[in-house]
Amino acid sequence: MVYRFVFLLLPFSAAAQSKQIVLYLQQIAANQAVITSIEKGIDIARTGLHIISTAKDAEFNLHRVFFDGLASVHPAIKNDFRVKAIQRMARLVTSKTIPFDKKLLEETATNLEELQKLLSHGQYQLTDDERIGRMNTLYEDMLDKFMFYKQFE
């Protein structure tokens, strides 16, 4: 009778195992579909991050080019008539010193240093308009010093 019971379970067991195998195969197929979806999602995320990185780098380069441009001096500003006029007036003021006015000489030297910095690459980050404005200020200041100097010549 024990043999009969085992034989009754064997076919049932084989059928159950067969169903279990089919279930496992279905789960494996479902897991592979999920893995494929996850891989596609990772590829999309990777592509998106690459696009963001490229855009960020491009934006950074645009800003770098802009600020590098602010540090450079346009040749037209270097060749402006006020540059030569400031240098000429300073040369005249410093060539014939007025014994009682050291302050005039110091301020003239300061103006020349400021002019040199204004015309040197990388000293200031200014637009052309800002450079011209500062040059105008230096020119007017130097003109005042020169007129003061002329009174005692």
C-alpha atoms as a PDB file:
ATOM      1  CA  MET A   1       0.000   0.000   0.000  1.00  0.00           C
ATOM      2  CA  VAL A   2       2.903   2.344   0.582  1.00  0.00           C
ATOM      3  CA  TYR A   3       4.043   1.789  -2.963  1.00  0.00           C
ATOM      4  CA  ARG A   4       0.681   2.739  -4.240  1.00  0.00           C
ATOM      5  CA  PHE A   5       0.742   5.996  -2.322  1.00  0.00           C
ATOM      6  CA  VAL A   6       4.205   6.866  -3.715  1.00  0.00           C
ATOM      7  CA  PHE A   7       3.064   6.118  -7.232  1.00  0.00           C
ATOM      8  CA  LEU A   8       0.080   8.337  -6.750  1.00  0.00           C
ATOM      9  CA  LEU A   9       2.308  11.200  -5.599  1.00  0.00           C
ATOM     10  CA  LEU A  10       4.868  10.817  -8.346  1.00  0.00           C
ATOM     11  CA  PRO A  11       2.615  11.843 -11.207  1.00  0.00           C
ATOM     12  CA  PHE A  12       1.175  14.617  -9.077  1.00  0.00           C
ATOM     13  CA  SER A  13       4.651  15.731  -8.117  1.00  0.00           C
ATOM     14  CA  ALA A  14       5.852  15.742 -11.725  1.00  0.00           C
ATOM     15  CA  ALA A  15       2.867  17.852 -12.756  1.00  0.00           C
ATOM     16  CA  ALA A  16       3.514  20.249  -9.877  1.00  0.00           C
ATOM     17  CA  GLN A  17       7.169  20.445 -10.759  1.00  0.00           C
ATOM     18  CA  SER A  18       6.269  21.096 -14.371  1.00  0.00           C
ATOM     19  CA  LYS A  19       3.983  23.961 -13.318  1.00  0.00           C
ATOM     20  CA  GLN A  20       6.687  25.248 -10.992  1.00  0.00           C
ATOM     21  CA  ILE A  21       9.238  25.222 -13.831  1.00  0.00           C
ATOM     22  CA  VAL A  22       6.810  27.076 -16.100  1.00  0.00           C
ATOM     23  CA  LEU A  23       6.256  29.625 -13.328  1.00  0.00           C
ATOM     24  CA  TYR A  24      10.015  30.057 -12.880  1.00  0.00           C
ATOM     25  CA  LEU A  25      10.488  30.545 -16.618  1.00  0.00           C
ATOM     26  CA  GLN A  26       7.745  33.188 -16.617  1.00  0.00           C
ATOM     27  CA  GLN A  27       9.425  34.958 -13.692  1.00  0.00           C
ATOM     28  CA  ILE A  28      12.796  34.841 -15.477  1.00  0.00           C
ATOM     29  CA  ALA A  29      11.204  36.348 -18.614  1.00  0.00           C
ATOM     30  CA  ALA A  30       9.537  39.068 -16.512  1.00  0.00           C
ATOM     31  CA  ASN A  31      12.829  39.804 -14.731  1.00  0.00           C
ATOM     32  CA  GLN A  32      14.628  40.058 -18.069  1.00  0.00           C
ATOM     33  CA  ALA A  33      11.993  42.543 -19.275  1.00  0.00           C
ATOM     34  CA  VAL A  34      12.463  44.592 -16.102  1.00  0.00           C
ATOM     35  CA  ILE A  35      16.259  44.473 -16.535  1.00  0.00           C
ATOM     36  CA  THR A  36      15.895  45.657 -20.136  1.00  0.00           C
ATOM     37  CA  SER A  37      13.677  48.534 -18.999  1.00  0.00           C
ATOM     38  CA  ILE A  38      16.158  49.488 -16.272  1.00  0.00           C
ATOM     39  CA  GLU A  39      19.040  49.419 -18.771  1.00  0.00           C
ATOM     40  CA  LYS A  40      17.074  51.675 -21.137  1.00  0.00           C
ATOM     41  CA  GLY A  41      16.350  54.041 -18.225  1.00  0.00           C
ATOM     42  CA  ILE A  42      20.036  54.122 -17.298  1.00  0.00           C
ATOM     43  CA  ASP A  43      20.958  54.901 -20.917  1.00  0.00           C
ATOM     44  CA  ILE A  44      18.392  57.727 -21.002  1.00  0.00           C
ATOM     45  CA  ALA A  45      19.719  59.134 -17.723  1.00  0.00           C
ATOM     46  CA  ARG A  46      23.313  58.865 -18.976  1.00  0.00           C
ATOM     47  CA  THR A  47      22.391  60.683 -22.208  1.00  0.00           C
ATOM     48  CA  GLY A  48      20.559  63.388 -20.255  1.00  0.00           C
ATOM     49  CA  LEU A  49      23.497  63.903 -17.911  1.00  0.00           C
ATOM     50  CA  HIS A  50      25.836  64.152 -20.896  1.00  0.00           C
ATOM     51  CA  ILE A  51      23.586  66.795 -22.488  1.00  0.00           C
ATOM     52  CA  ILE A  52      23.460  68.742 -19.220  1.00  0.00           C
ATOM     53  CA  SER A  53      27.235  68.514 -18.835  1.00  0.00           C
ATOM     54  CA  THR A  54      27.770  69.726 -22.395  1.00  0.00           C
ATOM     55  CA  ALA A  55      25.377  72.651 -21.895  1.00  0.00           C
ATOM     56  CA  LYS A  56      27.034  73.566 -18.592  1.00  0.00           C
ATOM     57  CA  ASP A  57      30.484  73.492 -20.183  1.00  0.00           C
ATOM     58  CA  ALA A  58      29.281  75.616 -23.093  1.00  0.00           C
ATOM     59  CA  GLU A  59      27.757  78.151 -20.699  1.00  0.00           C
ATOM     60  CA  PHE A  60      30.938  78.226 -18.629  1.00  0.00           C
ATOM     61  CA  ASN A  61      33.035  78.764 -21.764  1.00  0.00           C
ATOM     62  CA  LEU A  62      30.801  81.641 -22.848  1.00  0.00           C
ATOM     63  CA  HIS A  63      31.284  83.320 -19.475  1.00  0.00           C
ATOM     64  CA  ARG A  64      35.036  82.671 -19.566  1.00  0.00           C
ATOM     65  CA  VAL A  65      35.299  84.229 -23.041  1.00  0.00           C
ATOM     66  CA  PHE A  66      33.271  87.231 -21.868  1.00  0.00           C
ATOM     67  CA  PHE A  67      35.422  87.837 -18.781  1.00  0.00           C
ATOM     68  CA  ASP A  68      38.637  87.250 -20.721  1.00  0.00           C
ATOM     69  CA  GLY A  69      37.384  89.880 -23.144  1.00  0.00           C
ATOM     70  CA  LEU A  70      36.910  92.299 -20.266  1.00  0.00           C
ATOM     71  CA  ALA A  71      40.520  91.775 -19.218  1.00  0.00           C
ATOM     72  CA  SER A  72      41.890  92.599 -22.678  1.00  0.00           C
ATOM     73  CA  VAL A  73      42.361  96.142 -23.938  1.00  0.00           C
ATOM     74  CA  HIS A  74      41.021  97.122 -27.346  1.00  0.00           C
ATOM     75  CA  PRO A  75      43.754  98.569 -29.625  1.00  0.00           C
ATOM     76  CA  ALA A  76      41.625 101.639 -30.317  1.00  0.00           C
ATOM     77  CA  ILE A  77      41.734 102.486 -26.612  1.00  0.00           C
ATOM     78  CA  LYS A  78      45.509 102.035 -26.472  1.00  0.00           C
ATOM     79  CA  ASN A  79      45.872 104.401 -29.438  1.00  0.00           C
ATOM     80  CA  ASP A  80      43.438 107.023 -28.103  1.00  0.00           C
ATOM     81  CA  PHE A  81      44.710 110.606 -28.258  1.00  0.00           C
ATOM     82  CA  ARG A  82      44.188 111.023 -24.511  1.00  0.00           C
ATOM     83  CA  VAL A  83      46.813 108.347 -23.777  1.00  0.00           C
ATOM     84  CA  LYS A  84      49.522 110.289 -25.590  1.00  0.00           C
ATOM     85  CA  ALA A  85      48.283 113.588 -24.137  1.00  0.00           C
ATOM     86  CA  ILE A  86      48.414 112.251 -20.559  1.00  0.00           C
ATOM     87  CA  GLN A  87      51.919 110.888 -21.142  1.00  0.00           C
ATOM     88  CA  ARG A  88      53.096 114.167 -22.727  1.00  0.00           C
ATOM     89  CA  MET A  89      51.668 116.317 -19.914  1.00  0.00           C
ATOM     90  CA  ALA A  90      53.170 114.023 -17.282  1.00  0.00           C
ATOM     91  CA  ARG A  91      56.558 114.161 -18.983  1.00  0.00           C
ATOM     92  CA  LEU A  92      56.460 117.973 -19.018  1.00  0.00           C
ATOM     93  CA  VAL A  93      55.354 118.213 -15.382  1.00  0.00           C
ATOM     94  CA  THR A  94      58.048 115.804 -14.171  1.00  0.00           C
ATOM     95  CA  SER A  95      60.825 117.220 -16.371  1.00  0.00           C
ATOM     96  CA  LYS A  96      60.866 120.597 -14.675  1.00  0.00           C
ATOM     97  CA  THR A  97      60.193 120.014 -11.039  1.00  0.00           C
ATOM     98  CA  ILE A  98      58.585 122.666  -8.957  1.00  0.00           C
ATOM     99  CA  PRO A  99      60.601 122.548  -5.763  1.00  0.00           C
ATOM    100  CA  PHE A 100      57.739 123.264  -3.365  1.00  0.00           C
ATOM    101  CA  ASP A 101      55.182 120.826  -4.796  1.00  0.00           C
ATOM    102  CA  LYS A 102      56.111 117.195  -4.222  1.00  0.00           C
ATOM    103  CA  LYS A 103      52.446 116.322  -4.097  1.00  0.00           C
ATOM    104  CA  LEU A 104      52.035 117.307  -7.767  1.00  0.00           C
ATOM    105  CA  LEU A 105      54.857 114.955  -8.747  1.00  0.00           C
ATOM    106  CA  GLU A 106      53.451 112.086  -6.651  1.00  0.00           C
ATOM    107  CA  GLU A 107      49.958 112.496  -8.099  1.00  0.00           C
ATOM    108  CA  THR A 108      51.387 112.669 -11.622  1.00  0.00           C
ATOM    109  CA  ALA A 109      53.272 109.419 -10.993  1.00  0.00           C
ATOM    110  CA  THR A 110      50.069 107.862  -9.618  1.00  0.00           C
ATOM    111  CA  ASN A 111      48.163 108.936 -12.743  1.00  0.00           C
ATOM    112  CA  LEU A 112      50.820 107.371 -14.976  1.00  0.00           C
ATOM    113  CA  GLU A 113      50.701 104.126 -12.994  1.00  0.00           C
ATOM    114  CA  GLU A 114      46.905 104.072 -13.245  1.00  0.00           C
ATOM    115  CA  LEU A 115      47.114 104.721 -16.991  1.00  0.00           C
ATOM    116  CA  GLN A 116      49.634 101.890 -17.363  1.00  0.00           C
ATOM    117  CA  LYS A 117      47.340  99.494 -15.451  1.00  0.00           C
ATOM    118  CA  LEU A 118      44.346 100.663 -17.476  1.00  0.00           C
ATOM    119  CA  LEU A 119      46.156  99.845 -20.728  1.00  0.00           C
ATOM    120  CA  SER A 120      47.696  96.541 -19.550  1.00  0.00           C
ATOM    121  CA  HIS A 121      46.055  93.229 -20.330  1.00  0.00           C
ATOM    122  CA  GLY A 122      44.607  91.485 -17.289  1.00  0.00           C
ATOM    123  CA  GLN A 123      44.946  94.327 -14.783  1.00  0.00           C
ATOM    124  CA  TYR A 124      41.271  95.276 -14.798  1.00  0.00           C
ATOM    125  CA  GLN A 125      38.125  93.572 -16.033  1.00  0.00           C
ATOM    126  CA  LEU A 126      36.355  96.513 -17.638  1.00  0.00           C
ATOM    127  CA  THR A 127      34.189  97.088 -20.669  1.00  0.00           C
ATOM    128  CA  ASP A 128      35.516  99.486 -23.287  1.00  0.00           C
ATOM    129  CA  ASP A 129      33.109 102.165 -22.043  1.00  0.00           C
ATOM    130  CA  GLU A 130      34.361 101.782 -18.476  1.00  0.00           C
ATOM    131  CA  ARG A 131      37.993 102.012 -19.652  1.00  0.00           C
ATOM    132  CA  ILE A 132      37.218 105.129 -21.664  1.00  0.00           C
ATOM    133  CA  GLY A 133      35.432 106.640 -18.656  1.00  0.00           C
ATOM    134  CA  ARG A 134      38.449 106.035 -16.423  1.00  0.00           C
ATOM    135  CA  MET A 135      40.758 107.379 -19.118  1.00  0.00           C
ATOM    136  CA  ASN A 136      38.623 110.537 -19.331  1.00  0.00           C
ATOM    137  CA  THR A 137      38.926 110.964 -15.570  1.00  0.00           C
ATOM    138  CA  LEU A 138      42.697 110.539 -15.759  1.00  0.00           C
ATOM    139  CA  TYR A 139      42.898 112.940 -18.683  1.00  0.00           C
ATOM    140  CA  GLU A 140      40.902 115.632 -16.885  1.00  0.00           C
ATOM    141  CA  ASP A 141      42.931 115.158 -13.698  1.00  0.00           C
ATOM    142  CA  MET A 142      46.200 115.343 -15.609  1.00  0.00           C
ATOM    143  CA  LEU A 143      44.955 118.414 -17.482  1.00  0.00           C
ATOM    144  CA  ASP A 144      44.263 120.132 -14.136  1.00  0.00           C
ATOM    145  CA  LYS A 145      47.757 119.240 -12.906  1.00  0.00           C
ATOM    146  CA  PHE A 146      49.289 120.489 -16.138  1.00  0.00           C
ATOM    147  CA  MET A 147      47.405 123.807 -15.907  1.00  0.00           C
ATOM    148  CA  PHE A 148      48.583 124.181 -12.309  1.00  0.00           C
ATOM    149  CA  TYR A 149      52.137 123.447 -13.449  1.00  0.00           C
ATOM    150  CA  LYS A 150      51.878 126.038 -16.252  1.00  0.00           C
ATOM    151  CA  GLN A 151      51.102 128.760 -13.715  1.00  0.00           C
ATOM    152  CA  PHE A 152      54.582 128.343 -12.202  1.00  0.00           C
ATOM    153  CA  GLU A 153      56.578 127.777 -15.355  1.00  0.00           C
END
